[in-house]
Amino acid sequence: MTVKLRYSFCIKSRYIYSRLVRGLKIHLSSQYNFLNIISRIQVLDQEKTRKNLRNLNPQLKYIGIASIVGIAIVAALLFLWPTSSDNKPIAGEWVPFDAPVIKPIGGKYQVSLSLLGRYGEFESGDLLYTKNDLPRRGYFFSGFSFALDYLKINSPEDSTILAWWDYGDMIVGYGEREAIAINPSEKLLIGVTNPSNDTETDPDDVLDDIGRALTTQDPEETLSILKKYNSEFLLIAAGPFGDEGKAKWIFYAGGISLDDMDNYWIEGDIVGQGRDTILYKMINKEDVSGFKLIFEDQNTRVYQIFP
């Protein structure tokens, strides 16, 4: 996960102060040498200082007052400016919770969330639900909830959604729609962190189909795969937890060997030939023949087959 840290307030304060001093130096340069005046004042005793100030151009007195006021403003900002210790989350910073936060959601599959932390304005953790009397546990990121809420309202209840397997449990449990895959395939376990011997898997050919649908350059092939699974919707993930960061494994499922991956994906970025694929075009909200972008926000894109 790429975490973006904001500049510290110290840098901001020093910038404001430096601009203030620079402005004062420019204002004074036509009549006085600012540094010489400061040096003289420092070595004079208090009585001589008052005498010299009385002899200076009256304009300097007002400038001196302005300097003091400016420094006071900087000092006040130093204490009042919000920092990372405030309760409000900083965009792009992962903040783990002290303990899991349980949020009952309910719905068709009796969903509850076990939230582990916050990333900016969004929460992340586990989604727990029951389907066909079997308990399931999957990944949850609240940045997907807007797209899933949209699909709940704007798609038939028996709709099937094509998306990468990571989001399958969210589509089923939270979105109350079917997903083509909710688990990795045996082939893809090499890309799963700490898989166990009892890790559930979906068939290789299903994940290969999803991979080909997303990484082909031919929208007709994507349409053909969607029709194979009686699906008309694609859910694409954008943003910091999006498909581009994990596209290595999507390309791998689609038939690109790991030895050739540098032609498609390098260290979190889709490159080269990868930029001609359906996946890259949809992440970037480009027009794709046969499809219509029906929903988009900073984290998701939803495309629908469009005649």
Protein backbone atom coordinates (compact mmCIF):
# COMPACT_ATOMS: atom_id res chain seq x y z
CA MET A 1 0.00 0.00 0.00
CA THR A 2 1.33 3.40 -0.97
CA VAL A 3 0.94 5.75 1.88
CA LYS A 4 1.14 9.45 1.19
CA LEU A 5 2.31 11.57 4.08
CA ARG A 6 1.46 15.25 4.17
CA TYR A 7 4.07 17.92 4.75
CA SER A 8 4.65 18.66 8.43
CA PHE A 9 3.49 21.95 9.88
CA CYS A 10 7.09 22.87 10.62
CA ILE A 11 7.74 23.23 6.90
CA LYS A 12 4.59 25.33 6.49
CA SER A 13 5.51 27.58 9.43
CA ARG A 14 9.04 28.11 8.20
CA TYR A 15 7.69 28.91 4.74
CA ILE A 16 5.26 31.53 6.11
CA TYR A 17 7.95 33.08 8.31
CA SER A 18 10.51 33.13 5.51
CA ARG A 19 8.05 34.88 3.21
CA LEU A 20 7.34 37.44 5.93
CA VAL A 21 11.02 38.20 6.52
CA ARG A 22 11.72 38.34 2.80
CA GLY A 23 8.96 40.88 2.35
CA LEU A 24 10.32 43.02 5.16
CA LYS A 25 13.84 42.91 3.73
CA ILE A 26 12.61 44.05 0.31
CA HIS A 27 10.58 46.88 1.85
CA LEU A 28 13.53 48.17 3.85
CA SER A 29 16.27 47.79 1.26
CA SER A 30 15.68 51.14 -0.44
CA GLN A 31 16.50 53.14 2.74
CA TYR A 32 18.32 50.95 5.22
CA ASN A 33 20.43 47.89 5.40
CA PHE A 34 18.20 45.56 7.40
CA LEU A 35 20.97 43.37 8.75
CA ASN A 36 23.05 46.35 9.89
CA ILE A 37 20.11 47.78 11.82
CA ILE A 38 19.54 44.44 13.56
CA SER A 39 23.24 44.19 14.45
CA ARG A 40 23.29 47.72 15.89
CA ILE A 41 20.19 47.12 17.97
CA GLN A 42 21.61 43.89 19.38
CA VAL A 43 24.79 45.54 20.71
CA LEU A 44 23.24 48.72 22.10
CA ASP A 45 21.96 48.78 25.63
CA GLN A 46 18.30 49.45 26.32
CA GLU A 47 18.66 53.26 26.68
CA LYS A 48 20.65 53.65 23.46
CA THR A 49 18.20 51.45 21.63
CA ARG A 50 15.27 53.70 22.57
CA LYS A 51 17.28 56.76 21.51
CA ASN A 52 18.20 55.25 18.14
CA LEU A 53 14.62 54.16 17.47
CA ARG A 54 13.42 57.72 18.06
CA ASN A 55 15.88 58.90 15.40
CA LEU A 56 14.83 56.32 12.82
CA ASN A 57 12.32 57.09 10.13
CA PRO A 58 8.84 56.70 11.78
CA GLN A 59 7.96 54.26 9.02
CA LEU A 60 10.32 51.73 10.60
CA LYS A 61 8.36 51.78 13.83
CA TYR A 62 5.29 50.60 12.01
CA ILE A 63 7.35 48.00 10.18
CA GLY A 64 8.74 46.81 13.51
CA ILE A 65 5.21 46.47 14.88
CA ALA A 66 4.21 44.58 11.76
CA SER A 67 7.18 42.23 12.28
CA ILE A 68 6.11 41.47 15.85
CA VAL A 69 2.50 40.91 14.78
CA GLY A 70 3.62 38.63 11.94
CA ILE A 71 5.79 36.54 14.25
CA ALA A 72 2.90 36.33 16.72
CA ILE A 73 0.63 35.04 13.96
CA VAL A 74 3.17 32.37 13.04
CA ALA A 75 3.48 31.33 16.67
CA ALA A 76 -0.31 31.14 17.02
CA LEU A 77 -0.59 28.99 13.90
CA LEU A 78 2.06 26.67 15.31
CA PHE A 79 -0.22 25.85 18.24
CA LEU A 80 -3.56 25.94 16.41
CA TRP A 81 -2.75 24.17 13.13
CA PRO A 82 -4.12 20.57 13.17
CA THR A 83 -1.53 17.81 13.11
CA SER A 84 -1.58 14.05 12.68
CA SER A 85 -2.32 13.67 16.39
CA ASP A 86 -5.81 15.13 15.84
CA ASN A 87 -8.78 12.78 15.77
CA LYS A 88 -9.56 13.52 12.13
CA PRO A 89 -7.93 11.00 9.75
CA ILE A 90 -5.40 12.23 7.24
CA ALA A 91 -6.06 11.30 3.64
CA GLY A 92 -3.76 8.50 2.56
CA GLU A 93 -2.71 7.43 6.07
CA TRP A 94 -3.54 3.97 7.41
CA VAL A 95 -4.74 4.21 11.01
CA PRO A 96 -5.35 0.82 12.70
CA PHE A 97 -8.04 0.57 15.35
CA ASP A 98 -7.08 -0.54 18.85
CA ALA A 99 -9.56 -3.41 18.52
CA PRO A 100 -11.89 -4.60 15.74
CA VAL A 101 -14.99 -2.43 15.41
CA ILE A 102 -18.08 -4.55 14.81
CA LYS A 103 -20.85 -2.99 12.71
CA PRO A 104 -24.05 -4.97 12.04
CA ILE A 105 -25.40 -4.33 8.53
CA GLY A 106 -28.14 -6.95 8.22
CA GLY A 107 -29.74 -7.39 4.83
CA LYS A 108 -30.42 -10.51 2.80
CA TYR A 109 -27.31 -12.32 4.09
CA GLN A 110 -27.18 -11.03 7.69
CA VAL A 111 -23.99 -9.05 7.08
CA SER A 112 -21.77 -7.65 9.80
CA LEU A 113 -18.44 -5.88 9.46
CA SER A 114 -15.31 -6.35 11.53
CA LEU A 115 -13.38 -3.16 10.79
CA LEU A 116 -9.65 -3.15 11.49
CA GLY A 117 -8.63 0.38 10.53
CA ARG A 118 -9.18 3.52 8.55
CA TYR A 119 -7.52 4.76 5.38
CA GLY A 120 -8.37 8.43 4.95
CA GLU A 121 -12.15 8.66 5.04
CA PHE A 122 -12.66 4.95 4.35
CA GLU A 123 -12.71 1.89 6.62
CA SER A 124 -11.35 -1.57 5.92
CA GLY A 125 -11.60 -4.99 7.49
CA ASP A 126 -13.60 -8.19 7.16
CA LEU A 127 -17.12 -8.80 5.93
CA LEU A 128 -19.03 -11.66 7.57
CA TYR A 129 -22.25 -13.05 6.09
CA THR A 130 -24.29 -16.23 5.78
CA LYS A 131 -25.46 -17.70 2.49
CA ASN A 132 -27.16 -21.06 2.07
CA ASP A 133 -26.66 -21.59 5.81
CA LEU A 134 -22.89 -21.37 5.37
CA PRO A 135 -20.92 -18.63 7.12
CA ARG A 136 -18.47 -16.73 4.96
CA ARG A 137 -15.77 -14.20 5.68
CA GLY A 138 -14.24 -11.93 3.06
CA TYR A 139 -12.45 -8.65 2.47
CA PHE A 140 -14.28 -5.33 2.95
CA PHE A 141 -13.34 -1.78 1.97
CA SER A 142 -15.97 0.89 2.47
CA GLY A 143 -14.83 2.72 -0.67
CA PHE A 144 -16.72 0.07 -2.67
CA SER A 145 -20.01 0.56 -0.84
CA PHE A 146 -21.21 3.39 -3.11
CA ALA A 147 -20.87 1.28 -6.26
CA LEU A 148 -22.47 -1.72 -4.57
CA ASP A 149 -25.36 0.40 -3.30
CA TYR A 150 -25.81 1.66 -6.86
CA LEU A 151 -25.95 -1.90 -8.20
CA LYS A 152 -28.47 -2.92 -5.54
CA ILE A 153 -30.82 -0.24 -6.83
CA ASN A 154 -30.04 -0.28 -10.55
CA SER A 155 -29.52 -3.94 -11.44
CA PRO A 156 -31.89 -6.94 -11.36
CA GLU A 157 -31.72 -9.00 -8.17
CA ASP A 158 -30.43 -12.03 -10.08
CA SER A 159 -27.59 -10.09 -11.72
CA THR A 160 -24.07 -11.52 -11.89
CA ILE A 161 -21.10 -9.16 -11.71
CA LEU A 162 -17.72 -9.74 -13.34
CA ALA A 163 -14.92 -8.47 -11.13
CA TRP A 164 -11.58 -9.68 -9.80
CA TRP A 165 -12.07 -12.33 -7.11
CA ASP A 166 -10.90 -10.05 -4.26
CA TYR A 167 -14.23 -8.20 -4.35
CA GLY A 168 -16.45 -11.28 -4.75
CA ASP A 169 -17.56 -11.51 -1.13
CA MET A 170 -18.40 -7.79 -1.07
CA ILE A 171 -20.48 -8.18 -4.24
CA VAL A 172 -22.38 -11.13 -2.77
CA GLY A 173 -22.63 -10.23 0.92
CA TYR A 174 -22.94 -6.45 0.83
CA GLY A 175 -24.15 -5.92 -2.75
CA GLU A 176 -26.56 -8.90 -2.73
CA ARG A 177 -25.62 -9.83 -6.30
CA GLU A 178 -23.83 -12.86 -7.65
CA ALA A 179 -20.11 -12.73 -8.42
CA ILE A 180 -18.41 -14.91 -11.01
CA ALA A 181 -15.62 -15.65 -8.53
CA ILE A 182 -15.13 -15.15 -4.80
CA ASN A 183 -11.89 -17.11 -4.35
CA PRO A 184 -8.52 -17.35 -6.08
CA SER A 185 -7.77 -20.35 -8.26
CA GLU A 186 -5.07 -22.91 -7.46
CA LYS A 187 -2.95 -21.24 -10.13
CA LEU A 188 -3.25 -17.87 -8.39
CA LEU A 189 -2.32 -19.03 -4.89
CA ILE A 190 1.27 -18.01 -5.61
CA GLY A 191 0.05 -14.40 -5.43
CA VAL A 192 -1.92 -14.84 -2.20
CA THR A 193 -0.26 -13.83 1.07
CA ASN A 194 0.15 -16.77 3.47
CA PRO A 195 -2.30 -19.20 1.88
CA SER A 196 -3.18 -22.16 4.09
CA ASN A 197 -3.82 -25.75 3.11
CA ASP A 198 -7.56 -25.21 3.49
CA THR A 199 -7.74 -21.99 1.42
CA GLU A 200 -10.88 -22.17 -0.70
CA THR A 201 -10.35 -21.94 -4.43
CA ASP A 202 -12.46 -21.43 -7.54
CA PRO A 203 -11.76 -23.29 -10.78
CA ASP A 204 -8.73 -22.20 -12.80
CA ASP A 205 -10.77 -21.79 -15.97
CA VAL A 206 -13.17 -19.34 -14.25
CA LEU A 207 -10.35 -17.06 -13.05
CA ASP A 208 -8.66 -17.41 -16.43
CA ASP A 209 -11.87 -16.20 -18.08
CA ILE A 210 -12.03 -13.17 -15.78
CA GLY A 211 -8.38 -12.45 -16.50
CA ARG A 212 -8.90 -12.66 -20.26
CA ALA A 213 -12.05 -10.52 -20.12
CA LEU A 214 -10.09 -7.75 -18.40
CA THR A 215 -6.74 -8.00 -20.16
CA THR A 216 -7.81 -8.55 -23.75
CA GLN A 217 -7.52 -5.68 -26.21
CA ASP A 218 -10.67 -6.85 -28.00
CA PRO A 219 -13.97 -5.77 -26.39
CA GLU A 220 -15.76 -8.51 -28.35
CA GLU A 221 -13.87 -11.10 -26.33
CA THR A 222 -14.93 -9.39 -23.10
CA LEU A 223 -18.56 -9.38 -24.28
CA SER A 224 -18.34 -13.07 -25.16
CA ILE A 225 -17.03 -14.00 -21.70
CA LEU A 226 -19.71 -11.91 -19.96
CA LYS A 227 -22.43 -13.66 -21.95
CA LYS A 228 -20.91 -17.05 -21.03
CA TYR A 229 -21.66 -16.26 -17.36
CA ASN A 230 -24.97 -14.50 -18.06
CA SER A 231 -23.49 -11.22 -16.85
CA GLU A 232 -23.86 -7.68 -18.18
CA PHE A 233 -21.95 -5.71 -15.50
CA LEU A 234 -18.25 -5.22 -14.76
CA LEU A 235 -16.96 -3.78 -11.50
CA ILE A 236 -13.51 -2.21 -11.86
CA ALA A 237 -11.51 -1.05 -8.85
CA ALA A 238 -9.56 2.19 -9.01
CA GLY A 239 -7.79 4.20 -6.30
CA PRO A 240 -5.17 3.00 -3.79
CA PHE A 241 -6.71 -0.49 -3.44
CA GLY A 242 -7.52 -0.81 -7.13
CA ASP A 243 -6.94 -3.30 -9.90
CA GLU A 244 -3.85 -1.57 -11.27
CA GLY A 245 -1.79 -2.42 -8.20
CA LYS A 246 -2.64 -6.12 -8.45
CA ALA A 247 -2.82 -6.26 -12.26
CA LYS A 248 0.21 -8.55 -12.32
CA TRP A 249 -2.03 -11.42 -11.25
CA ILE A 250 -4.91 -10.36 -13.49
CA PHE A 251 -2.52 -10.43 -16.47
CA TYR A 252 -1.16 -13.76 -15.25
CA ALA A 253 -4.66 -15.24 -15.14
CA GLY A 254 -5.28 -13.81 -18.59
CA GLY A 255 -2.38 -15.75 -20.06
CA ILE A 256 0.65 -13.44 -19.68
CA SER A 257 3.67 -15.28 -18.30
CA LEU A 258 5.55 -13.85 -15.35
CA ASP A 259 8.67 -13.68 -17.53
CA ASP A 260 6.89 -11.30 -19.93
CA MET A 261 5.19 -9.22 -17.22
CA ASP A 262 7.48 -6.19 -17.64
CA ASN A 263 5.80 -5.54 -20.98
CA TYR A 264 2.47 -5.10 -19.18
CA TRP A 265 2.99 -4.24 -15.51
CA ILE A 266 5.91 -2.96 -13.43
CA GLU A 267 5.82 -2.35 -9.66
CA GLY A 268 2.17 -1.36 -9.39
CA ASP A 269 1.77 0.40 -12.74
CA ILE A 270 0.26 -0.86 -15.99
CA VAL A 271 2.75 -0.10 -18.75
CA GLY A 272 3.46 -0.78 -22.42
CA GLN A 273 1.09 -3.23 -24.05
CA GLY A 274 -0.98 -3.30 -20.87
CA ARG A 275 -2.29 0.15 -21.68
CA ASP A 276 -4.15 -1.20 -24.69
CA THR A 277 -6.23 -3.55 -22.54
CA ILE A 278 -9.87 -3.30 -21.48
CA LEU A 279 -8.78 -3.12 -17.82
CA TYR A 280 -6.56 -0.07 -18.30
CA LYS A 281 -9.14 1.72 -20.43
CA MET A 282 -11.89 1.15 -17.89
CA ILE A 283 -9.74 2.21 -14.94
CA ASN A 284 -9.14 5.46 -16.81
CA LYS A 285 -12.80 5.84 -17.83
CA GLU A 286 -12.09 5.60 -21.54
CA ASP A 287 -14.79 4.68 -24.04
CA VAL A 288 -14.96 0.95 -24.74
CA SER A 289 -17.00 -0.32 -27.66
CA GLY A 290 -20.09 -2.23 -26.52
CA PHE A 291 -20.01 -0.85 -22.96
CA LYS A 292 -21.32 2.16 -21.09
CA LEU A 293 -19.87 3.65 -17.91
CA ILE A 294 -22.91 3.84 -15.62
CA PHE A 295 -21.23 4.64 -12.29
CA GLU A 296 -17.87 5.99 -11.20
CA ASP A 297 -16.22 7.48 -8.14
CA GLN A 298 -12.67 7.70 -6.84
CA ASN A 299 -12.56 3.98 -5.98
CA THR A 300 -14.74 2.21 -8.55
CA ARG A 301 -16.07 2.07 -12.08
CA VAL A 302 -19.19 0.15 -13.12
CA TYR A 303 -19.61 -0.70 -16.81
CA GLN A 304 -22.68 -2.27 -18.41
CA ILE A 305 -23.12 -3.93 -21.77
CA PHE A 306 -24.59 -1.31 -24.04
CA PRO A 307 -25.96 -2.27 -27.46
